[in-house]
């Protein structure tokens, strides 16, 4: 089997638990978007352009507080600054000859969970692996936000609260197995 195809399929396999976690967490994000006055489509567009839960929660909170564009921009820059560091670390896993467009696309989809899996790849990171994860995880993130706006206020508060901590548990589950192999 073609190496890129195999890596893409591995990425899809590894992306399924991430996608399931994203679906639950972004559902609660959709509730925050609805409370800020956004429609399901607006919230989904926000999730397409920003794959950071803390950044989106902060953005929706600031929108609800009628913050200025400058305040939102500064807060987003501060909250999402960790992605600069993650991207720098991930760039060390890339082949020097990798085309710029791959680097650009991969940079858009760096999240805590995807970073955790990509950085644990023992050899150079092939974009096909990350693209497989993104194919599953990103739509789950967007759909969860969309459905959270539509159906979020139907669920009891205890379930919504439980969904919001699911991402932390998933991140720990992603990091622990590779950490056992390579301390």
Protein backbone atom coordinates (compact mmCIF):
# COMPACT_ATOMS: atom_id res chain seq x y z
CA UNK A 1 0.00 0.00 0.00
CA UNK A 2 1.16 3.52 -0.74
CA UNK A 3 2.93 5.09 2.26
CA UNK A 4 0.94 8.33 2.03
CA UNK A 5 -2.31 6.43 1.81
CA UNK A 6 -1.36 4.28 4.80
CA UNK A 7 -0.41 7.36 6.84
CA UNK A 8 -3.65 9.08 5.81
CA UNK A 9 -5.65 6.06 7.00
CA UNK A 10 -3.70 6.00 10.28
CA UNK A 11 -4.50 9.69 10.69
CA UNK A 12 -8.20 8.99 10.17
CA UNK A 13 -8.03 6.17 12.74
CA UNK A 14 -6.23 8.38 15.25
CA UNK A 15 -8.56 11.29 14.49
CA UNK A 16 -11.76 9.44 15.41
CA UNK A 17 -11.34 9.77 19.21
CA UNK A 18 -10.30 13.39 18.73
CA UNK A 19 -13.40 14.02 16.64
CA UNK A 20 -15.66 12.44 19.24
CA UNK A 21 -14.10 14.60 21.96
CA UNK A 22 -14.41 17.69 19.78
CA UNK A 23 -18.07 16.95 19.11
CA UNK A 24 -18.83 16.96 22.83
CA UNK A 25 -16.74 20.00 23.72
CA UNK A 26 -17.79 22.12 20.77
CA UNK A 27 -21.41 21.39 21.60
CA UNK A 28 -20.91 23.38 24.79
CA UNK A 29 -19.13 26.00 22.71
CA UNK A 30 -22.26 26.27 20.59
CA UNK A 31 -24.28 27.00 23.71
CA UNK A 32 -21.89 29.85 24.55
CA UNK A 33 -22.24 31.15 20.99
CA UNK A 34 -26.02 31.09 21.23
CA UNK A 35 -25.89 32.92 24.56
CA UNK A 36 -23.72 35.56 22.85
CA UNK A 37 -26.41 36.04 20.22
CA UNK A 38 -24.80 34.19 17.31
CA UNK A 39 -26.74 32.04 14.88
CA UNK A 40 -25.79 28.43 14.23
CA UNK A 41 -24.19 29.42 10.91
CA UNK A 42 -22.18 32.25 12.48
CA UNK A 43 -20.95 29.94 15.23
CA UNK A 44 -20.02 27.25 12.69
CA UNK A 45 -18.07 29.82 10.66
CA UNK A 46 -16.22 30.83 13.82
CA UNK A 47 -15.33 27.18 14.41
CA UNK A 48 -14.13 26.77 10.82
CA UNK A 49 -11.71 29.67 11.20
CA UNK A 50 -10.61 29.07 14.81
CA UNK A 51 -9.91 25.58 16.10
CA UNK A 52 -9.13 26.68 19.65
CA UNK A 53 -11.74 26.10 22.32
CA UNK A 54 -10.33 28.64 24.77
CA UNK A 55 -10.05 31.21 21.99
CA UNK A 56 -13.58 30.66 20.83
CA UNK A 57 -15.04 30.67 24.33
CA UNK A 58 -13.22 33.94 25.03
CA UNK A 59 -14.35 35.38 21.72
CA UNK A 60 -17.98 34.51 22.34
CA UNK A 61 -17.78 35.90 25.87
CA UNK A 62 -16.31 39.16 24.56
CA UNK A 63 -18.95 39.37 21.83
CA UNK A 64 -21.64 38.97 24.49
CA UNK A 65 -19.96 41.74 26.52
CA UNK A 66 -19.98 44.01 23.43
CA UNK A 67 -16.17 44.31 23.44
CA UNK A 68 -14.45 46.29 20.69
CA UNK A 69 -12.66 44.61 17.79
CA UNK A 70 -9.32 45.70 19.24
CA UNK A 71 -10.13 44.12 22.62
CA UNK A 72 -11.16 40.88 20.94
CA UNK A 73 -8.03 40.83 18.75
CA UNK A 74 -5.66 41.40 21.68
CA UNK A 75 -7.39 38.77 23.82
CA UNK A 76 -7.33 36.22 20.99
CA UNK A 77 -3.64 36.88 20.39
CA UNK A 78 -2.84 36.31 24.06
CA UNK A 79 -5.05 33.25 24.50
CA UNK A 80 -3.84 31.56 21.33
CA UNK A 81 -0.13 32.43 21.68
CA UNK A 82 0.62 28.84 22.69
CA UNK A 83 -0.01 27.81 19.10
CA UNK A 84 3.07 29.79 18.03
CA UNK A 85 5.14 27.57 20.30
CA UNK A 86 3.41 24.39 19.19
CA UNK A 87 3.90 25.30 15.54
CA UNK A 88 7.60 26.01 16.12
CA UNK A 89 8.01 22.63 17.83
CA UNK A 90 6.05 20.88 15.08
CA UNK A 91 8.13 22.55 12.36
CA UNK A 92 11.12 20.57 13.66
CA UNK A 93 9.26 17.38 12.69
CA UNK A 94 8.82 18.50 9.06
CA UNK A 95 11.09 17.76 6.12
CA UNK A 96 13.02 20.88 5.04
CA UNK A 97 11.83 20.32 1.47
CA UNK A 98 8.13 20.30 2.39
CA UNK A 99 6.25 22.82 0.22
CA UNK A 100 4.97 26.01 1.84
CA UNK A 101 1.30 25.24 1.12
CA UNK A 102 1.52 22.05 3.23
CA UNK A 103 3.08 24.02 6.08
CA UNK A 104 0.34 26.65 5.80
CA UNK A 105 -2.52 24.13 5.81
CA UNK A 106 -0.98 22.15 8.67
CA UNK A 107 -0.49 25.35 10.67
CA UNK A 108 -4.20 26.17 10.38
CA UNK A 109 -5.15 22.87 11.97
CA UNK A 110 -2.70 22.73 14.87
CA UNK A 111 -4.69 22.03 18.02
CA UNK A 112 -3.53 20.68 21.36
CA UNK A 113 -4.68 17.15 20.53
CA UNK A 114 -3.46 17.04 16.93
CA UNK A 115 -0.14 18.53 18.03
CA UNK A 116 0.18 15.86 20.72
CA UNK A 117 -0.19 13.06 18.20
CA UNK A 118 1.90 14.68 15.45
CA UNK A 119 4.82 15.48 17.72
CA UNK A 120 4.87 11.89 18.98
CA UNK A 121 5.46 10.48 15.48
CA UNK A 122 8.95 8.95 15.70
CA UNK A 123 10.07 9.93 12.19
CA UNK A 124 9.53 13.07 10.11
CA UNK A 125 5.88 14.09 10.00
CA UNK A 126 4.17 13.39 6.70
CA UNK A 127 1.27 15.80 6.03
CA UNK A 128 -0.91 12.86 4.98
CA UNK A 129 -1.07 11.68 8.61
CA UNK A 130 -2.17 15.07 9.89
CA UNK A 131 -4.64 15.50 7.03
CA UNK A 132 -6.28 12.20 7.98
CA UNK A 133 -6.78 13.41 11.54
CA UNK A 134 -8.08 16.77 10.35
CA UNK A 135 -10.55 15.12 7.96
CA UNK A 136 -12.32 13.59 10.97
CA UNK A 137 -11.64 16.07 13.77
CA UNK A 138 -12.34 19.41 12.08
CA UNK A 139 -15.85 18.62 10.79
CA UNK A 140 -16.71 17.21 14.23
CA UNK A 141 -15.59 20.50 15.80
CA UNK A 142 -17.71 22.57 13.42
CA UNK A 143 -20.78 20.30 13.60
CA UNK A 144 -20.64 20.19 17.39
CA UNK A 145 -20.67 23.98 17.54
CA UNK A 146 -23.51 24.16 15.02
CA UNK A 147 -25.66 21.63 16.87
CA UNK A 148 -24.81 23.21 20.22
CA UNK A 149 -26.43 26.43 19.04
CA UNK A 150 -29.49 24.58 17.75
CA UNK A 151 -30.04 22.07 20.55
CA UNK A 152 -27.81 23.07 23.46
CA UNK A 153 -30.39 24.63 25.70
CA UNK A 154 -32.45 21.43 25.65
CA UNK A 155 -29.86 19.45 27.68
CA UNK A 156 -29.70 19.64 31.48
CA UNK A 157 -26.89 21.80 32.89
CA UNK A 158 -25.18 18.77 34.49
CA UNK A 159 -24.74 17.06 31.10
CA UNK A 160 -23.45 20.26 29.48
CA UNK A 161 -20.94 20.63 32.32
CA UNK A 162 -19.78 17.03 31.87
CA UNK A 163 -19.30 17.56 28.13
CA UNK A 164 -17.06 20.58 28.70
CA UNK A 165 -14.41 18.59 30.60
CA UNK A 166 -14.30 15.78 28.05
CA UNK A 167 -11.60 17.49 26.00
CA UNK A 168 -9.17 17.53 28.92
CA UNK A 169 -9.62 13.81 29.49
CA UNK A 170 -9.14 13.14 25.79
CA UNK A 171 -5.93 15.21 25.72
CA UNK A 172 -4.52 13.23 28.66
CA UNK A 173 -5.48 9.97 26.94
CA UNK A 174 -3.60 11.06 23.81
CA UNK A 175 -0.43 12.15 25.63
CA UNK A 176 0.01 9.33 28.18
CA UNK A 177 0.59 6.32 25.83
CA UNK A 178 3.43 7.97 23.81
CA UNK A 179 4.91 9.41 27.02
CA UNK A 180 5.22 5.88 28.43
CA UNK A 181 7.25 4.84 25.38
CA UNK A 182 9.49 7.91 25.29
CA UNK A 183 10.07 9.55 28.65
